Protein backbone atom coordinates (compact mmCIF):
# COMPACT_ATOMS: atom_id res chain seq x y z
CA MET A 1 -32.59 -12.41 -4.37
CA GLY A 2 -35.40 -9.97 -3.62
CA GLU A 3 -35.32 -6.19 -3.35
CA VAL A 4 -35.71 -4.30 -0.08
CA GLU A 5 -36.54 -0.59 0.04
CA LEU A 6 -35.48 1.30 3.16
CA LEU A 7 -37.41 4.53 3.67
CA ASN A 8 -35.50 7.61 4.74
CA GLU A 9 -35.60 8.12 8.52
CA ASP A 10 -33.80 10.61 10.75
CA TYR A 11 -31.67 8.30 12.88
CA ILE A 12 -29.06 10.66 14.23
CA LEU A 13 -26.42 9.57 16.71
CA GLN A 14 -26.14 12.43 19.19
CA SER A 15 -23.48 11.09 21.52
CA VAL A 16 -21.53 7.95 22.36
CA ASP A 17 -20.27 6.99 25.81
CA GLY A 18 -16.54 6.38 25.87
CA ALA A 19 -15.84 8.22 22.62
CA ASN A 20 -12.43 9.38 23.84
CA LEU A 21 -10.63 6.06 23.83
CA SER A 22 -6.98 5.12 24.02
CA TYR A 23 -5.43 3.00 21.30
CA VAL A 24 -5.55 -0.15 23.41
CA ASP A 25 -9.30 0.33 23.94
CA ALA A 26 -10.04 0.87 20.26
CA GLU A 27 -11.80 -2.45 19.71
CA GLU A 28 -14.00 -2.02 22.77
CA GLY A 29 -14.74 1.53 21.69
CA TYR A 30 -15.78 0.38 18.24
CA PHE A 31 -18.31 -2.08 19.64
CA LYS A 32 -19.68 0.54 22.03
CA LEU A 33 -20.18 2.90 19.12
CA TYR A 34 -21.80 0.20 17.01
CA GLU A 35 -24.16 -0.94 19.77
CA SER A 36 -25.13 2.64 20.61
CA PHE A 37 -25.89 3.31 16.95
CA LEU A 38 -28.25 0.33 16.84
CA GLU A 39 -29.86 1.23 20.15
CA LYS A 40 -30.69 4.69 18.83
CA GLY A 41 -32.47 3.26 15.81
CA GLY A 42 -29.68 3.01 13.29
CA ARG A 43 -29.41 0.10 10.89
CA ALA A 44 -26.13 -1.40 9.70
CA LEU A 45 -25.98 -3.56 6.59
CA LEU A 46 -22.97 -5.79 7.07
CA GLU A 47 -21.55 -8.00 4.29
CA THR A 48 -23.23 -5.60 1.89
CA THR A 49 -21.47 -3.70 -0.89
CA ALA A 50 -22.53 -0.27 -2.09
CA HIS A 51 -23.13 -0.52 -5.82
CA SER A 52 -24.13 2.90 -7.14
CA LEU A 53 -25.57 6.25 -6.19
CA ILE A 54 -29.20 6.87 -7.03
CA TYR A 55 -30.58 10.15 -8.28
CA ASP A 56 -33.98 11.85 -8.25
CA ASP A 57 -35.72 13.25 -11.33
CA ASP A 58 -33.71 16.47 -11.05
CA GLY A 59 -30.40 14.61 -11.05
CA ASN A 60 -29.70 15.14 -7.36
CA ILE A 61 -28.21 12.36 -5.25
CA SER A 62 -30.97 10.71 -3.24
CA GLY A 63 -29.34 7.58 -1.84
CA VAL A 64 -27.42 4.47 -2.77
CA THR A 65 -28.07 0.96 -4.03
CA ALA A 66 -26.25 -1.94 -2.38
CA ILE A 67 -26.02 -5.71 -2.82
CA SER A 68 -25.48 -8.12 0.08
CA ASP A 69 -23.45 -11.30 -0.09
CA ASP A 70 -26.68 -13.32 -0.30
CA GLY A 71 -27.72 -11.42 -3.42
CA THR A 72 -30.31 -9.13 -1.83
CA THR A 73 -30.46 -5.71 -3.47
CA TYR A 74 -31.09 -2.74 -1.20
CA THR A 75 -32.26 0.69 -2.22
CA VAL A 76 -31.38 3.10 0.57
CA TYR A 77 -32.82 6.61 0.33
CA ALA A 78 -30.85 9.26 2.17
CA LYS A 79 -30.59 13.04 2.38
CA ALA A 80 -26.78 12.73 2.54
CA VAL A 81 -24.26 10.08 1.49
CA VAL A 82 -20.74 9.59 2.84
CA LEU A 83 -18.36 7.59 0.65
CA ALA A 84 -15.53 6.02 2.64
CA THR A 85 -14.50 2.87 0.77
CA GLY A 86 -10.75 2.86 1.35
CA GLY A 87 -9.31 4.11 -1.92
CA PHE A 88 -8.43 2.07 -5.00
CA GLY A 89 -5.34 0.07 -4.02
CA GLY A 90 -7.13 -3.23 -4.66
CA ASN A 91 -8.11 -2.29 -8.23
CA GLU A 92 -5.21 -3.27 -10.50
CA GLU A 93 -6.64 -1.43 -13.50
CA MET A 94 -6.95 1.84 -11.58
CA VAL A 95 -3.49 1.42 -10.05
CA GLU A 96 -2.05 0.82 -13.52
CA LYS A 97 -3.87 3.87 -14.87
CA TYR A 98 -3.13 6.38 -12.11
CA THR A 99 -0.19 5.33 -9.94
CA PRO A 100 3.43 6.16 -10.89
CA GLY A 101 5.09 2.82 -11.61
CA GLY A 102 1.76 1.20 -12.44
CA SER A 103 0.77 -2.14 -10.98
CA ALA A 104 4.39 -3.19 -10.27
CA TRP A 105 3.85 -2.06 -6.66
CA ILE A 106 3.03 -4.95 -4.33
CA TYR A 107 -0.33 -4.15 -2.78
CA TYR A 108 -0.56 -5.21 0.87
CA GLY A 109 -3.79 -3.50 1.88
CA TRP A 110 -7.40 -4.61 1.82
CA GLN A 111 -8.00 -6.23 -1.57
CA ASN A 112 -11.65 -5.13 -1.63
CA ASN A 113 -10.66 -1.44 -1.56
CA ASP A 114 -11.25 -1.37 -5.28
CA GLY A 115 -12.15 2.25 -5.92
CA ASP A 116 -15.92 1.85 -5.99
CA GLY A 117 -16.49 4.95 -3.87
CA ILE A 118 -14.17 7.05 -6.01
CA ASN A 119 -15.84 5.86 -9.22
CA MET A 120 -19.29 6.58 -7.81
CA ALA A 121 -18.14 10.12 -7.03
CA PHE A 122 -16.70 10.47 -10.54
CA ASP A 123 -20.04 9.37 -11.98
CA ALA A 124 -21.70 12.11 -9.91
CA GLY A 125 -19.39 14.70 -11.46
CA ALA A 126 -16.82 15.03 -8.68
CA ALA A 127 -13.30 16.12 -9.59
CA PRO A 128 -10.18 14.01 -8.99
CA MET A 129 -7.49 15.17 -6.59
CA HIS A 130 -3.93 13.90 -7.07
CA MET A 131 -5.00 10.51 -8.36
CA ASP A 132 -1.42 10.08 -9.56
CA ALA A 133 0.06 10.44 -6.06
CA TYR A 134 2.46 7.72 -4.97
CA PRO A 135 0.86 4.99 -2.83
CA MET A 136 1.55 4.59 0.88
CA SER A 137 4.70 2.53 1.21
CA HIS A 138 6.67 1.56 4.30
CA GLN A 139 8.97 -1.03 2.82
CA ARG A 140 11.10 -1.98 -0.15
CA MET A 141 11.42 -5.65 -1.03
CA GLY A 142 11.71 -8.20 -3.82
CA ALA A 143 9.15 -7.95 -6.60
CA GLU A 144 6.97 -10.72 -5.18
CA PHE A 145 6.09 -12.18 -1.80
CA ILE A 146 7.64 -15.59 -1.19
CA THR A 147 5.56 -17.84 1.06
CA CYS A 148 6.52 -21.39 0.06
CA PHE A 149 9.37 -22.12 2.50
CA ASP A 150 8.96 -23.38 6.05
CA VAL A 151 9.94 -21.34 9.10
CA GLN A 152 13.41 -22.23 10.45
CA GLN A 153 14.89 -22.19 13.94
CA THR A 154 18.48 -21.45 14.98
CA ASN A 155 20.38 -23.46 17.56
CA ASP A 156 19.60 -20.87 20.21
CA GLY A 157 15.87 -20.93 19.46
CA GLN A 158 15.40 -17.90 17.17
CA ILE A 159 12.83 -18.40 14.43
CA TRP A 160 13.27 -16.95 10.96
CA SER A 161 11.81 -17.41 7.52
CA PRO A 162 13.76 -18.03 4.29
CA ASN A 163 10.83 -16.26 2.63
CA ASP A 164 12.27 -13.01 4.03
CA LEU A 165 15.66 -13.39 2.36
CA THR A 166 14.85 -11.48 -0.82
CA VAL A 167 13.24 -8.76 1.30
CA VAL A 168 16.55 -8.35 3.14
CA LEU A 169 18.67 -8.57 -0.01
CA SER A 170 16.56 -5.87 -1.64
CA VAL A 171 17.59 -3.30 1.00
CA ASN A 172 20.78 -4.72 2.50
CA GLN A 173 23.85 -2.47 2.64
CA ASP A 174 26.05 -4.97 0.78
CA GLY A 175 24.13 -4.78 -2.49
CA VAL A 176 24.92 -2.64 -5.51
CA TYR A 177 21.80 -0.71 -6.49
CA LEU A 178 20.51 0.94 -9.62
CA THR A 179 17.23 2.41 -10.76
CA LYS A 180 15.06 0.86 -13.45
CA ASP A 181 16.80 3.02 -16.07
CA GLY A 182 20.27 2.11 -14.80
CA LYS A 183 21.26 5.03 -12.56
CA PRO A 184 23.37 3.94 -9.53
CA PHE A 185 22.05 4.99 -6.13
CA ARG A 186 22.47 4.46 -2.41
CA THR A 187 20.44 5.94 0.40
CA GLU A 188 22.47 7.42 3.24
CA ASP A 189 20.52 5.82 6.08
CA ILE A 190 20.17 2.38 4.51
CA ARG A 191 21.20 0.76 7.84
CA SER A 192 18.04 2.04 9.51
CA LYS A 193 15.73 -0.73 10.68
CA MET A 194 12.53 1.16 9.97
CA GLY A 195 13.40 4.17 7.84
CA GLY A 196 15.35 5.42 4.89
CA PHE A 197 15.57 3.24 1.85
CA SER A 198 14.28 0.22 3.71
CA GLY A 199 11.12 2.11 4.55
CA SER A 200 9.46 4.88 2.59
CA MET A 201 11.41 8.06 3.23
CA GLY A 202 13.85 9.11 0.53
CA SER A 203 12.98 6.27 -1.83
CA TYR A 204 10.11 7.43 -4.01
CA TYR A 205 12.33 8.72 -6.79
CA LEU A 206 12.86 5.03 -7.55
CA GLY A 207 9.22 4.52 -8.45
CA SER A 208 7.99 0.95 -8.25
CA THR A 209 11.02 -0.87 -9.71
CA TYR A 210 14.77 -0.96 -9.09
CA TYR A 211 17.56 -3.57 -9.01
CA ALA A 212 19.97 -4.96 -6.39
CA VAL A 213 23.03 -6.94 -7.48
CA TYR A 214 25.19 -9.40 -5.51
CA SER A 215 28.33 -11.27 -6.52
CA ALA A 216 29.04 -14.96 -5.92
CA THR A 217 31.65 -14.11 -3.27
CA GLN A 218 29.22 -11.98 -1.28
CA LEU A 219 26.49 -14.60 -1.43
CA ARG A 220 28.88 -17.37 -0.35
CA LEU A 221 29.78 -15.27 2.69
CA TYR A 222 26.11 -15.23 3.61
CA GLU A 223 26.06 -19.01 3.26
CA SER A 224 28.97 -19.50 5.64
CA GLN A 225 28.69 -16.55 8.03
CA GLY A 226 25.30 -14.95 7.56
CA ILE A 227 24.35 -11.33 7.00
CA SER A 228 25.85 -8.79 9.38
CA ASP A 229 22.98 -6.29 9.09
CA THR A 230 19.58 -7.75 8.20
CA THR A 231 17.80 -4.46 7.67
CA MET A 232 14.03 -5.03 7.48
CA GLY A 233 12.71 -8.35 6.25
CA PHE A 234 10.00 -8.95 8.85
CA GLN A 235 7.04 -9.84 6.65
CA ASN A 236 6.74 -13.56 7.26
CA VAL A 237 7.47 -14.28 10.93
CA GLY A 238 7.91 -10.79 12.30
CA GLU A 239 11.54 -11.35 13.28
CA GLY A 240 13.47 -10.97 10.03
CA ILE A 241 16.63 -13.03 9.60
CA PRO A 242 18.95 -13.29 12.64
CA ASP A 243 22.21 -11.38 12.23
CA ASN A 244 25.35 -13.40 11.54
CA THR A 245 23.49 -16.69 11.16
CA PRO A 246 24.96 -18.96 8.44
CA LEU A 247 22.28 -19.42 5.79
CA GLY A 248 23.78 -22.40 4.00
CA ASP A 249 21.90 -23.69 0.98
CA TRP A 250 18.99 -21.33 1.63
CA VAL A 251 20.76 -18.57 -0.31
CA ASP A 252 20.79 -20.53 -3.57
CA THR A 253 17.41 -22.13 -2.90
CA VAL A 254 15.59 -18.84 -2.43
CA LEU A 255 17.35 -17.02 -5.26
CA GLU A 256 16.76 -19.90 -7.64
CA TYR A 257 13.09 -19.76 -6.74
CA ALA A 258 12.97 -16.00 -7.39
CA ALA A 259 14.69 -16.62 -10.74
CA SER A 260 12.09 -19.27 -11.62
CA ARG A 261 9.40 -16.65 -10.96
CA GLY A 262 11.02 -14.20 -13.36
CA TRP A 263 12.20 -11.42 -11.04
CA ALA A 264 15.77 -12.54 -10.29
CA TRP A 265 18.51 -13.47 -12.74
CA LYS A 266 21.77 -15.40 -12.36
CA VAL A 267 24.32 -14.07 -14.86
CA ASN A 268 27.91 -14.97 -15.55
CA SER A 269 29.05 -11.38 -15.99
CA LEU A 270 27.87 -7.82 -15.55
CA SER A 271 27.74 -7.41 -19.31
CA GLU A 272 25.31 -10.32 -19.48
CA GLY A 273 23.31 -8.58 -16.78
CA ASN A 274 23.04 -5.46 -18.93
CA TYR A 275 21.59 -7.59 -21.71
CA VAL A 276 19.11 -9.32 -19.40
CA LEU A 277 17.85 -6.00 -18.04
CA ASN A 278 17.89 -4.37 -21.48
CA LEU A 279 20.27 -1.67 -20.26
CA PRO A 280 23.03 0.02 -22.31
CA GLU A 281 26.45 -1.61 -22.32
CA GLY A 282 28.55 -0.64 -19.32
CA THR A 283 25.56 0.22 -17.08
CA LEU A 284 26.14 -2.39 -14.38
CA GLU A 285 29.88 -1.89 -14.60
CA ALA A 286 29.34 1.82 -13.88
CA ALA A 287 27.12 0.98 -10.91
CA TYR A 288 29.86 -1.26 -9.51
CA ALA A 289 32.49 1.38 -10.09
CA ALA A 290 30.36 3.84 -8.12
CA ASP A 291 29.52 1.57 -5.21
CA ALA A 292 31.15 -1.84 -4.80
CA THR A 293 32.99 -3.61 -1.99
CA SER A 294 35.86 -6.06 -1.92
CA LEU A 295 33.33 -8.88 -1.54
CA ASN A 296 30.81 -7.65 -4.09
CA ALA A 297 33.10 -6.56 -6.89
CA ILE A 298 33.58 -6.65 -10.64
CA GLY A 299 34.95 -9.84 -12.17
CA ASP A 300 33.35 -12.49 -9.97
CA GLU A 301 32.25 -15.97 -11.04
CA TYR A 302 28.58 -15.04 -11.28
CA TYR A 303 26.06 -12.46 -10.05
CA TYR A 304 22.45 -12.46 -8.94
CA ILE A 305 20.28 -9.51 -9.94
CA ILE A 306 17.12 -9.03 -7.88
CA GLU A 307 14.24 -6.87 -9.04
CA GLY A 308 12.95 -4.82 -6.12
CA THR A 309 9.77 -2.87 -5.62
CA GLY A 310 7.78 -1.00 -2.99
CA LEU A 311 5.19 -2.49 -0.69
CA SER A 312 2.00 -0.48 -1.18
CA ILE A 313 -0.40 -0.24 1.76
CA SER A 314 -2.99 1.99 0.09
CA SER A 315 -3.63 4.39 -2.73
CA CYS A 316 -3.18 8.09 -1.91
CA GLY A 317 -5.18 9.86 -4.61
CA GLY A 318 -8.88 10.57 -4.42
CA ILE A 319 -11.75 13.01 -4.79
CA LEU A 320 -11.47 16.77 -4.41
CA VAL A 321 -13.30 17.97 -1.28
CA ASN A 322 -13.89 21.25 0.51
CA GLU A 323 -13.46 21.98 4.23
CA LYS A 324 -16.77 20.24 4.97
CA MET A 325 -15.60 17.10 3.15
CA GLN A 326 -18.19 17.70 0.43
CA ALA A 327 -17.23 16.52 -3.05
CA VAL A 328 -16.30 19.33 -5.43
CA ARG A 329 -16.79 19.40 -9.20
CA ASN A 330 -14.22 20.51 -11.77
CA ASP A 331 -16.01 23.87 -12.05
CA GLU A 332 -15.54 24.29 -8.26
CA SER A 333 -19.25 23.88 -7.52
CA VAL A 334 -20.14 21.63 -4.61
CA LEU A 335 -22.15 18.42 -4.47
CA GLU A 336 -24.00 19.50 -1.35
CA ASN A 337 -25.07 16.09 -0.04
CA LEU A 338 -22.12 13.93 -1.15
CA PHE A 339 -19.30 13.62 1.40
CA ILE A 340 -15.96 11.86 0.92
CA ALA A 341 -13.97 10.55 3.88
CA GLY A 342 -10.84 8.54 4.49
CA ASN A 343 -8.66 7.27 1.67
CA ASP A 344 -11.27 8.15 -0.95
CA SER A 345 -10.25 11.78 -0.37
CA PHE A 346 -6.63 11.25 0.69
CA GLY A 347 -5.36 13.09 -2.39
CA ASN A 348 -6.22 16.38 -0.68
CA ILE A 349 -3.12 16.07 1.53
CA MET A 350 -0.96 13.80 -0.67
CA ALA A 351 0.46 15.89 -3.48
CA THR A 352 1.54 14.40 -6.79
CA GLY A 353 5.25 13.65 -6.72
CA ALA A 354 5.51 13.84 -2.94
CA GLU A 355 6.32 10.88 -0.78
CA TYR A 356 4.18 9.40 1.92
CA SER A 357 6.02 9.96 5.17
CA ILE A 358 4.52 8.39 8.29
CA GLY A 359 1.44 6.40 9.25
CA GLY A 360 0.05 9.27 11.26
CA ASP A 361 -0.82 11.08 8.05
CA ALA A 362 -3.34 8.41 7.11
CA GLY A 363 -4.71 7.98 10.62
CA MET A 364 -5.14 11.71 11.10
CA TRP A 365 -6.91 12.11 7.79
CA CYS A 366 -9.20 9.10 8.18
CA PHE A 367 -10.32 10.07 11.68
CA GLY A 368 -10.47 13.79 10.97
CA SER A 369 -12.24 13.58 7.63
CA GLY A 370 -14.70 11.01 8.96
CA TYR A 371 -15.50 13.17 11.96
CA ILE A 372 -16.11 16.24 9.82
CA ALA A 373 -18.07 14.33 7.16
CA GLY A 374 -20.31 12.78 9.83
CA ILE A 375 -21.16 16.11 11.43
CA GLU A 376 -21.76 17.87 8.12
CA ALA A 377 -23.82 15.00 6.70
CA VAL A 378 -26.10 15.18 9.77
CA ASN A 379 -26.45 18.93 9.28
CA VAL A 380 -27.54 18.36 5.68
CA ALA A 381 -29.96 15.59 6.74
CA LYS A 382 -31.51 17.89 9.34
CA GLY A 383 -32.03 20.50 6.64
């Protein structure tokens, strides 16, 4: 519970053997980098959380305070600080405040990426950059992860998880879809295994919430014959649900569970569905008129409505930076010794209203911004 003061020292990593590593050697490369850093006099505080920036008498940033898991408080003086804390996807209040669709997105990233770095930069006077950008999202699914059902195995040895069923039904081609405000939609490449509506591209106009509707006849077909195209649905066992595999009682079991959790509804008619979703009369009927099949049609015995959402991997907004990755104030002046790297500054390439496209965007920015911030921070430290 004591306090440790680390005096400022010029430990500068000049070079690292094996820096140009292939993807498969990434783990080995990381440990080489880490060991080289320690060998050259660096000190790494693991299991230690940065708490706040510290300032000198003139108000300039002079280091950071941090608290380790054992309660030790560290005061680290530094000529330059790099904030790279992974964005704010794990902070529900910030997601609700900034992200379109609020906290209805399912967050699947690191839960401790709670915006501390961004808030420290705000406290220092840094300006926000596209904090209201959509989050990274590579998948659409039901409004909640299901994890309570055991993995199953088909007669020919394929494993699958009933927990994936609502993921599949939230993107499957047989559903009738409408936005949160009741507008019918269908994405052209919905059959794609990894793209289109099932992934991220072309789906952000939906925001964080939409609905998929299935009739009793369609669901009974899944019970007896299975689903012909199980687009996506690989979260639980990595294999999705095998095509054309009779699902039996699992259809009702899983949907009843989703209904008990409050994000699926079994209704006797489409008009009842309008009432349940608080939509104007005729909304679901119009969606069926626009896009129904002979098996999923108006006038069936009952319907299941599933609330769908997007799987969020990370926030995309952050702190405004210049070409040196230095934080920039609202008046366009620069915080000379405060650098922002990775997702904390991702808003500089993720515009408000634009959709996140491919994973390379994040990887490129994290590596590139970190590389630049490291070099420029060393230059500042050298004076």
